[in-house]
Amino acid sequence: MPIYGMALPDIHADHGMLTGMARTGRPKAELTLSDDERATLQRWARRAKSSQALALRANIILTCEPRPGRVPTITDEQVEKVIVDTLEETPDDATHWSRASMAKRSGLSRSTVGRIWKAFHLKPHLADTFKLSSDTSGDNTGG
């Protein structure tokens, strides 16, 4: 039966070898196992699979538990104030907030303000609207 337009090679049932295909590599020696050796190998295979499953379950459990670490010093209220001030107000002496000006207003560091803006995808230095030119001459060549 063809698969993807190719016919499968014939298989000899007595040798388990494929005909019509070149043989590559060294010839393989026949492996003969006693019943005890076969049982040992099967036990080892089960042990590896069960230990992998156990490790996976343990990893899932560990990721669900709270991990130890430093207690956050910045409260949710401080983060909310930075976000609200960034979106709803502008500084008195500028057209948009800079990290330094927001840090001065909020009492947080410039790095902290930058991390908050990055976490919430805020870019106050980018203009939100398109401004038309106030040039009334109609010459848009720029030169």
C-alpha atoms as a PDB file:
ATOM      1  CA  MET A   1       0.000   0.000   0.000  1.00  0.00           C
ATOM      2  CA  PRO A   2       1.645   3.275  -1.037  1.00  0.00           C
ATOM      3  CA  ILE A   3       2.223   6.002   1.528  1.00  0.00           C
ATOM      4  CA  TYR A   4       2.742   9.531   0.183  1.00  0.00           C
ATOM      5  CA  GLY A   5       3.326   8.142  -3.305  1.00  0.00           C
ATOM      6  CA  MET A   6       6.068   5.669  -2.273  1.00  0.00           C
ATOM      7  CA  ALA A   7       5.711   1.904  -2.044  1.00  0.00           C
ATOM      8  CA  LEU A   8       6.916   0.296   1.166  1.00  0.00           C
ATOM      9  CA  PRO A   9       9.814  -2.182   0.813  1.00  0.00           C
ATOM     10  CA  ASP A  10       9.178  -5.913   1.233  1.00  0.00           C
ATOM     11  CA  ILE A  11       9.912  -7.394   4.649  1.00  0.00           C
ATOM     12  CA  HIS A  12      11.239 -10.916   5.055  1.00  0.00           C
ATOM     13  CA  ALA A  13       9.412 -12.446   7.975  1.00  0.00           C
ATOM     14  CA  ASP A  14      12.171 -14.928   8.756  1.00  0.00           C
ATOM     15  CA  HIS A  15      15.011 -12.396   9.089  1.00  0.00           C
ATOM     16  CA  GLY A  16      13.165  -9.153   9.837  1.00  0.00           C
ATOM     17  CA  MET A  17      15.278  -7.394   7.217  1.00  0.00           C
ATOM     18  CA  LEU A  18      14.175  -4.974   4.548  1.00  0.00           C
ATOM     19  CA  THR A  19      14.908  -5.911   0.953  1.00  0.00           C
ATOM     20  CA  GLY A  20      15.472  -3.422  -1.769  1.00  0.00           C
ATOM     21  CA  MET A  21      17.328  -1.101   0.639  1.00  0.00           C
ATOM     22  CA  ALA A  22      21.083  -0.811   1.004  1.00  0.00           C
ATOM     23  CA  ARG A  23      22.488  -2.104   4.263  1.00  0.00           C
ATOM     24  CA  THR A  24      24.570   0.482   6.109  1.00  0.00           C
ATOM     25  CA  GLY A  25      26.897   0.251   9.070  1.00  0.00           C
ATOM     26  CA  ARG A  26      28.425  -2.771  10.730  1.00  0.00           C
ATOM     27  CA  PRO A  27      26.463  -6.006  10.826  1.00  0.00           C
ATOM     28  CA  LYS A  28      24.675  -6.414  14.132  1.00  0.00           C
ATOM     29  CA  ALA A  29      25.390  -9.431  16.296  1.00  0.00           C
ATOM     30  CA  GLU A  30      22.378 -11.457  17.342  1.00  0.00           C
ATOM     31  CA  LEU A  31      21.347 -10.762  20.923  1.00  0.00           C
ATOM     32  CA  THR A  32      20.322 -13.719  23.014  1.00  0.00           C
ATOM     33  CA  LEU A  33      18.980 -13.129  26.510  1.00  0.00           C
ATOM     34  CA  SER A  34      18.196 -15.595  29.221  1.00  0.00           C
ATOM     35  CA  ASP A  35      14.908 -15.277  31.081  1.00  0.00           C
ATOM     36  CA  ASP A  36      16.677 -13.757  34.108  1.00  0.00           C
ATOM     37  CA  GLU A  37      18.485 -11.186  31.965  1.00  0.00           C
ATOM     38  CA  ARG A  38      15.251 -10.299  30.156  1.00  0.00           C
ATOM     39  CA  ALA A  39      13.426  -9.867  33.504  1.00  0.00           C
ATOM     40  CA  THR A  40      16.241  -7.662  34.817  1.00  0.00           C
ATOM     41  CA  LEU A  41      16.157  -5.442  31.728  1.00  0.00           C
ATOM     42  CA  GLN A  42      12.373  -5.131  31.920  1.00  0.00           C
ATOM     43  CA  ARG A  43      12.629  -4.192  35.618  1.00  0.00           C
ATOM     44  CA  TRP A  44      15.238  -1.522  34.797  1.00  0.00           C
ATOM     45  CA  ALA A  45      13.033  -0.125  32.024  1.00  0.00           C
ATOM     46  CA  ARG A  46      10.035   0.103  34.366  1.00  0.00           C
ATOM     47  CA  ARG A  47      12.186   1.708  37.051  1.00  0.00           C
ATOM     48  CA  ALA A  48      13.403   4.403  34.637  1.00  0.00           C
ATOM     49  CA  LYS A  49       9.874   5.138  33.436  1.00  0.00           C
ATOM     50  CA  SER A  50       8.436   5.276  36.955  1.00  0.00           C
ATOM     51  CA  SER A  51      11.256   7.534  38.194  1.00  0.00           C
ATOM     52  CA  GLN A  52      10.722   9.874  35.229  1.00  0.00           C
ATOM     53  CA  ALA A  53       6.997  10.033  35.972  1.00  0.00           C
ATOM     54  CA  LEU A  54       7.693  10.618  39.661  1.00  0.00           C
ATOM     55  CA  ALA A  55      10.176  13.386  38.843  1.00  0.00           C
ATOM     56  CA  LEU A  56       7.652  15.006  36.504  1.00  0.00           C
ATOM     57  CA  ARG A  57       4.934  14.901  39.175  1.00  0.00           C
ATOM     58  CA  ALA A  58       7.334  16.297  41.777  1.00  0.00           C
ATOM     59  CA  ASN A  59       8.328  19.109  39.413  1.00  0.00           C
ATOM     60  CA  ILE A  60       4.681  20.001  38.825  1.00  0.00           C
ATOM     61  CA  ILE A  61       3.995  20.044  42.562  1.00  0.00           C
ATOM     62  CA  LEU A  62       7.072  22.180  43.246  1.00  0.00           C
ATOM     63  CA  THR A  63       6.069  24.777  40.662  1.00  0.00           C
ATOM     64  CA  CYS A  64       2.617  25.097  42.257  1.00  0.00           C
ATOM     65  CA  GLU A  65       3.927  25.789  45.749  1.00  0.00           C
ATOM     66  CA  PRO A  66       5.033  29.274  46.766  1.00  0.00           C
ATOM     67  CA  ARG A  67       8.785  29.600  46.627  1.00  0.00           C
ATOM     68  CA  PRO A  68      10.930  31.297  49.217  1.00  0.00           C
ATOM     69  CA  GLY A  69      12.275  34.679  48.378  1.00  0.00           C
ATOM     70  CA  ARG A  70      12.472  38.283  49.382  1.00  0.00           C
ATOM     71  CA  VAL A  71       9.204  39.910  50.372  1.00  0.00           C
ATOM     72  CA  PRO A  72       8.227  42.596  47.836  1.00  0.00           C
ATOM     73  CA  THR A  73       8.813  46.109  49.132  1.00  0.00           C
ATOM     74  CA  ILE A  74       6.639  47.822  46.524  1.00  0.00           C
ATOM     75  CA  THR A  75       2.936  47.591  47.248  1.00  0.00           C
ATOM     76  CA  ASP A  76       0.166  47.093  44.709  1.00  0.00           C
ATOM     77  CA  GLU A  77      -1.125  50.554  45.587  1.00  0.00           C
ATOM     78  CA  GLN A  78       2.203  52.117  44.592  1.00  0.00           C
ATOM     79  CA  VAL A  79       2.163  50.249  41.281  1.00  0.00           C
ATOM     80  CA  GLU A  80      -1.432  51.322  40.650  1.00  0.00           C
ATOM     81  CA  LYS A  81      -0.578  54.972  41.427  1.00  0.00           C
ATOM     82  CA  VAL A  82       2.304  54.932  38.918  1.00  0.00           C
ATOM     83  CA  ILE A  83       0.048  53.432  36.227  1.00  0.00           C
ATOM     84  CA  VAL A  84      -2.826  55.841  36.862  1.00  0.00           C
ATOM     85  CA  ASP A  85      -0.542  58.889  36.980  1.00  0.00           C
ATOM     86  CA  THR A  86       1.191  57.781  33.767  1.00  0.00           C
ATOM     87  CA  LEU A  87      -2.055  57.339  31.865  1.00  0.00           C
ATOM     88  CA  GLU A  88      -4.184  60.157  33.237  1.00  0.00           C
ATOM     89  CA  GLU A  89      -1.836  63.031  34.084  1.00  0.00           C
ATOM     90  CA  THR A  90       1.091  64.881  32.555  1.00  0.00           C
ATOM     91  CA  PRO A  91       3.909  66.614  34.408  1.00  0.00           C
ATOM     92  CA  ASP A  92       3.705  70.396  34.819  1.00  0.00           C
ATOM     93  CA  ASP A  93       6.972  71.125  33.025  1.00  0.00           C
ATOM     94  CA  ALA A  94       6.890  68.547  30.187  1.00  0.00           C
ATOM     95  CA  THR A  95       4.658  66.962  27.581  1.00  0.00           C
ATOM     96  CA  HIS A  96       5.060  63.393  28.873  1.00  0.00           C
ATOM     97  CA  TRP A  97       6.456  61.483  31.803  1.00  0.00           C
ATOM     98  CA  SER A  98      10.063  60.399  31.960  1.00  0.00           C
ATOM     99  CA  ARG A  99      11.277  57.702  34.310  1.00  0.00           C
ATOM    100  CA  ALA A 100      13.092  60.311  36.382  1.00  0.00           C
ATOM    101  CA  SER A 101      10.103  62.623  36.694  1.00  0.00           C
ATOM    102  CA  MET A 102       7.731  59.776  37.596  1.00  0.00           C
ATOM    103  CA  ALA A 103      10.265  58.402  40.076  1.00  0.00           C
ATOM    104  CA  LYS A 104      10.514  61.807  41.749  1.00  0.00           C
ATOM    105  CA  ARG A 105       6.733  62.108  41.955  1.00  0.00           C
ATOM    106  CA  SER A 106       6.072  58.554  43.192  1.00  0.00           C
ATOM    107  CA  GLY A 107       9.045  58.184  45.533  1.00  0.00           C
ATOM    108  CA  LEU A 108      10.220  55.033  43.757  1.00  0.00           C
ATOM    109  CA  SER A 109      13.486  54.514  41.894  1.00  0.00           C
ATOM    110  CA  ARG A 110      13.832  55.144  38.155  1.00  0.00           C
ATOM    111  CA  SER A 111      14.516  51.439  37.617  1.00  0.00           C
ATOM    112  CA  THR A 112      11.333  50.492  39.453  1.00  0.00           C
ATOM    113  CA  VAL A 113       9.268  52.905  37.368  1.00  0.00           C
ATOM    114  CA  GLY A 114      10.843  51.460  34.224  1.00  0.00           C
ATOM    115  CA  ARG A 115      10.050  47.900  35.315  1.00  0.00           C
ATOM    116  CA  ILE A 116       6.417  48.852  36.053  1.00  0.00           C
ATOM    117  CA  TRP A 117       6.036  50.530  32.659  1.00  0.00           C
ATOM    118  CA  LYS A 118       7.598  47.531  30.932  1.00  0.00           C
ATOM    119  CA  ALA A 119       5.362  45.050  32.764  1.00  0.00           C
ATOM    120  CA  PHE A 120       2.244  46.962  31.703  1.00  0.00           C
ATOM    121  CA  HIS A 121       3.546  47.855  28.199  1.00  0.00           C
ATOM    122  CA  LEU A 122       3.414  51.591  28.871  1.00  0.00           C
ATOM    123  CA  LYS A 123       5.448  53.944  26.678  1.00  0.00           C
ATOM    124  CA  PRO A 124       4.592  57.486  27.692  1.00  0.00           C
ATOM    125  CA  HIS A 125       7.275  58.969  25.425  1.00  0.00           C
ATOM    126  CA  LEU A 126       5.398  57.790  22.305  1.00  0.00           C
ATOM    127  CA  ALA A 127       2.620  59.983  20.936  1.00  0.00           C
ATOM    128  CA  ASP A 128      -0.841  58.401  20.963  1.00  0.00           C
ATOM    129  CA  THR A 129      -2.300  60.557  18.213  1.00  0.00           C
ATOM    130  CA  PHE A 130      -1.311  61.722  14.753  1.00  0.00           C
ATOM    131  CA  LYS A 131      -0.815  65.497  14.432  1.00  0.00           C
ATOM    132  CA  LEU A 132      -1.440  67.317  11.191  1.00  0.00           C
ATOM    133  CA  SER A 133       1.025  69.937  10.089  1.00  0.00           C
ATOM    134  CA  SER A 134       0.159  73.548  10.866  1.00  0.00           C
ATOM    135  CA  ASP A 135       1.832  74.631   7.617  1.00  0.00           C
ATOM    136  CA  THR A 136      -0.862  76.449   5.607  1.00  0.00           C
ATOM    137  CA  SER A 137       1.160  76.818   2.415  1.00  0.00           C
ATOM    138  CA  GLY A 138       0.175  73.354   1.240  1.00  0.00           C
ATOM    139  CA  ASP A 139       3.729  72.547   0.209  1.00  0.00           C
ATOM    140  CA  ASN A 140       4.429  69.120   1.746  1.00  0.00           C
ATOM    141  CA  THR A 141       7.786  68.567   0.041  1.00  0.00           C
ATOM    142  CA  GLY A 142       9.655  69.305   3.253  1.00  0.00           C
ATOM    143  CA  GLY A 143      12.277  71.449   1.634  1.00  0.00           C
END
